[in-house]
Amino acid sequence: MTRNPPTPDPSADPTSANRVLLAYFSRAGENYYYGDRIDLELGNTQVVAEMIAAAISVDVYRIEAADPYPDDYEETVQRNVREEVQNARPEIANPLPDGSRYDTVLLGCPVWNVQTPMIMRTFVENVDLADKTLHPFVTYAVSGIGHVRSDYSSLLPDTTITDGLAVQGERAQQARADVDAWLRQVGLLAGKQR
């Protein structure tokens, strides 16, 4: 006798009822590390993004600059300051995702100079995020989430933006419990323990 597999219970997986986009910008290379510098093979935000993608069902989009940021930390800081002063919108290398396909967006980036890198403004101004719920997550050196939520709020008046998750960059590799707790808090991870 052949048994049919059980029908999945949509209430068991909060992401089954809506499509979730995980979009993130991350920079490897030389990074701040407790007042010093460390060379990272994977950027801290990518580490956190991969933890999220391993925990829940998402479509992943990596935001990459058409003109990549330098591996050198100080050169990246200087470029970021120039972009902020110019109110620049750095070009994104790959075609952007279709935001209309999603109800929920998890948007990750490092905090640079207490705010979002300017490339994140390029992203949110060119992807339809109206009437979505946006859950920001960041990695930071000393500022916590900084002005990231208010940056998004001013750029996305028709988007619901939650408080978000802030992970200190130096602790990104150990952030699994914080990531899972945050995903449960925002209703994207139901009762799963890791």
Protein backbone atom coordinates (compact mmCIF):
# COMPACT_ATOMS: atom_id res chain seq x y z
CA MET A 1 0.00 0.00 0.00
CA THR A 2 1.38 3.39 -1.02
CA ARG A 3 0.99 6.24 1.42
CA ASN A 4 0.73 9.81 0.30
CA PRO A 5 3.09 12.17 2.06
CA PRO A 6 1.37 14.35 4.64
CA THR A 7 0.14 17.70 3.41
CA PRO A 8 2.37 20.42 4.81
CA ASP A 9 0.73 22.65 7.39
CA PRO A 10 1.21 26.24 6.17
CA SER A 11 0.90 27.52 9.74
CA ALA A 12 4.02 25.55 10.68
CA ASP A 13 6.21 27.66 8.38
CA PRO A 14 5.43 31.39 8.49
CA THR A 15 7.29 31.97 5.21
CA SER A 16 5.13 29.51 3.26
CA ALA A 17 2.25 31.98 2.96
CA ASN A 18 4.36 34.81 1.58
CA ARG A 19 7.52 35.16 -0.41
CA VAL A 20 10.52 36.53 1.45
CA LEU A 21 13.42 38.35 -0.18
CA LEU A 22 16.76 38.42 1.61
CA ALA A 23 18.88 41.15 0.03
CA TYR A 24 22.21 42.16 1.47
CA PHE A 25 25.38 44.15 0.83
CA SER A 26 28.59 42.93 2.41
CA ARG A 27 32.27 43.75 2.04
CA ALA A 28 35.10 41.28 2.57
CA GLY A 29 38.77 42.29 2.74
CA GLU A 30 40.32 44.40 5.47
CA ASN A 31 37.76 45.23 8.19
CA TYR A 32 37.67 46.90 11.58
CA TYR A 33 38.37 44.45 14.41
CA TYR A 34 38.29 45.68 18.03
CA GLY A 35 40.24 48.84 17.18
CA ASP A 36 42.61 47.02 14.84
CA ARG A 37 42.15 45.44 11.40
CA ILE A 38 41.49 41.90 10.20
CA ASP A 39 41.30 40.44 6.70
CA LEU A 40 37.96 38.72 6.11
CA GLU A 41 37.30 36.15 3.41
CA LEU A 42 33.54 36.74 3.84
CA GLY A 43 32.13 40.04 4.98
CA ASN A 44 30.37 40.08 8.35
CA THR A 45 26.98 40.91 6.84
CA GLN A 46 27.28 37.96 4.45
CA VAL A 47 27.97 35.67 7.42
CA VAL A 48 24.72 36.82 9.08
CA ALA A 49 22.80 36.64 5.79
CA GLU A 50 23.90 33.03 5.29
CA MET A 51 22.67 32.17 8.79
CA ILE A 52 19.28 33.65 7.94
CA ALA A 53 19.12 31.80 4.60
CA ALA A 54 19.95 28.54 6.38
CA ALA A 55 17.15 29.07 8.92
CA ILE A 56 14.19 30.06 6.72
CA SER A 57 12.97 29.86 3.13
CA VAL A 58 14.07 33.01 1.25
CA ASP A 59 15.14 34.17 -2.17
CA VAL A 60 18.64 35.63 -1.83
CA TYR A 61 19.94 38.66 -3.70
CA ARG A 62 23.46 39.89 -3.08
CA ILE A 63 23.91 43.62 -3.69
CA GLU A 64 27.26 44.13 -5.41
CA ALA A 65 28.75 47.42 -6.52
CA ALA A 66 29.45 47.78 -10.24
CA ASP A 67 32.66 49.51 -9.10
CA PRO A 68 33.74 47.21 -6.24
CA TYR A 69 34.80 48.77 -2.97
CA PRO A 70 38.55 48.48 -2.22
CA ASP A 71 39.88 45.65 -0.06
CA ASP A 72 41.77 48.28 1.95
CA TYR A 73 39.74 49.50 4.95
CA GLU A 74 40.93 53.13 4.92
CA GLU A 75 40.37 53.45 1.16
CA THR A 76 36.81 52.17 1.61
CA VAL A 77 36.20 54.65 4.45
CA GLN A 78 37.44 57.51 2.25
CA ARG A 79 35.28 56.40 -0.68
CA ASN A 80 32.24 56.12 1.59
CA VAL A 81 32.77 59.66 2.89
CA ARG A 82 33.02 60.98 -0.69
CA GLU A 83 29.80 59.14 -1.63
CA GLU A 84 27.99 60.59 1.40
CA VAL A 85 29.16 64.15 0.66
CA GLN A 86 28.07 63.80 -2.98
CA ASN A 87 24.81 62.08 -1.97
CA ALA A 88 25.88 59.46 -4.53
CA ARG A 89 23.94 56.43 -5.67
CA PRO A 90 26.61 53.82 -6.52
CA GLU A 91 25.59 51.59 -9.40
CA ILE A 92 24.64 47.98 -8.63
CA ALA A 93 26.34 45.34 -10.78
CA ASN A 94 23.47 42.91 -11.38
CA PRO A 95 19.84 43.32 -12.48
CA LEU A 96 17.67 44.17 -9.49
CA PRO A 97 15.04 41.76 -8.15
CA ASP A 98 11.34 42.31 -8.79
CA GLY A 99 10.12 43.62 -5.43
CA SER A 100 6.47 43.13 -6.37
CA ARG A 101 6.92 39.37 -5.92
CA TYR A 102 7.52 39.70 -2.17
CA ASP A 103 5.55 40.58 0.95
CA THR A 104 8.55 40.65 3.26
CA VAL A 105 12.10 41.89 2.72
CA LEU A 106 15.08 41.21 4.97
CA LEU A 107 17.62 43.89 4.10
CA GLY A 108 21.17 43.62 5.37
CA CYS A 109 24.22 45.86 5.29
CA PRO A 110 27.15 47.04 7.36
CA VAL A 111 26.76 50.34 9.20
CA TRP A 112 29.18 52.87 7.72
CA ASN A 113 29.61 56.21 9.46
CA VAL A 114 26.50 55.49 11.58
CA GLN A 115 24.24 55.03 8.52
CA THR A 116 23.53 52.82 5.53
CA PRO A 117 26.19 52.71 2.81
CA MET A 118 25.00 54.82 -0.11
CA ILE A 119 24.61 51.71 -2.30
CA MET A 120 21.69 50.71 -0.05
CA ARG A 121 19.93 53.90 -1.10
CA THR A 122 20.46 52.88 -4.73
CA PHE A 123 18.77 49.58 -3.93
CA VAL A 124 15.74 50.86 -2.01
CA GLU A 125 15.09 53.66 -4.50
CA ASN A 126 15.04 51.22 -7.43
CA VAL A 127 13.21 48.18 -6.06
CA ASP A 128 9.46 48.37 -5.40
CA LEU A 129 9.19 48.06 -1.62
CA ALA A 130 5.87 49.91 -1.19
CA ASP A 131 3.39 48.11 1.05
CA LYS A 132 6.01 45.57 2.13
CA THR A 133 7.35 44.77 5.57
CA LEU A 134 11.08 45.46 5.76
CA HIS A 135 13.19 43.89 8.50
CA PRO A 136 16.65 45.51 8.47
CA PHE A 137 19.69 43.70 9.80
CA VAL A 138 23.15 45.16 10.15
CA THR A 139 26.66 44.44 11.25
CA TYR A 140 28.52 47.24 12.97
CA ALA A 141 31.79 48.15 14.68
CA VAL A 142 30.76 50.60 17.41
CA SER A 143 27.46 52.31 16.47
CA GLY A 144 24.83 49.61 16.81
CA ILE A 145 22.10 49.98 14.21
CA GLY A 146 22.87 53.71 13.97
CA HIS A 147 20.54 55.69 11.67
CA VAL A 148 19.73 52.72 9.44
CA ARG A 149 16.05 52.47 10.38
CA SER A 150 15.51 56.23 10.01
CA ASP A 151 17.42 56.19 6.67
CA TYR A 152 14.99 53.59 5.33
CA SER A 153 11.96 55.31 6.89
CA SER A 154 12.72 58.57 5.09
CA LEU A 155 13.33 56.80 1.76
CA LEU A 156 10.40 54.37 2.03
CA PRO A 157 7.34 56.15 3.44
CA ASP A 158 4.96 53.42 2.22
CA THR A 159 6.93 50.53 3.75
CA THR A 160 6.54 49.08 7.24
CA ILE A 161 10.01 49.03 8.79
CA THR A 162 10.73 47.10 11.97
CA ASP A 163 13.41 47.81 14.56
CA GLY A 164 15.81 45.29 13.06
CA LEU A 165 18.77 43.22 14.19
CA ALA A 166 22.22 44.63 14.93
CA VAL A 167 25.19 42.25 15.23
CA GLN A 168 28.64 43.47 16.19
CA GLY A 169 30.91 42.56 13.28
CA GLU A 170 33.49 40.90 15.50
CA ARG A 171 30.76 38.56 16.79
CA ALA A 172 29.10 37.72 13.46
CA GLN A 173 30.37 34.14 13.45
CA GLN A 174 28.73 33.56 16.86
CA ALA A 175 25.39 35.24 16.04
CA ARG A 176 23.27 32.13 15.33
CA ALA A 177 21.23 32.35 18.56
CA ASP A 178 20.61 36.09 18.06
CA VAL A 179 19.60 35.54 14.43
CA ASP A 180 17.16 32.77 15.32
CA ALA A 181 15.68 34.78 18.21
CA TRP A 182 15.18 37.76 15.88
CA LEU A 183 13.56 35.62 13.17
CA ARG A 184 11.16 34.22 15.78
CA GLN A 185 10.44 37.74 17.08
CA VAL A 186 9.46 39.00 13.61
CA GLY A 187 7.37 35.89 12.96
CA LEU A 188 9.53 34.23 10.30
CA LEU A 189 10.79 31.28 12.34
CA ALA A 190 8.13 29.29 14.17
CA GLY A 191 9.28 27.35 17.16
CA LYS A 192 12.45 25.98 15.62
CA GLN A 193 15.45 25.74 17.91
CA ARG A 194 19.03 25.55 16.70
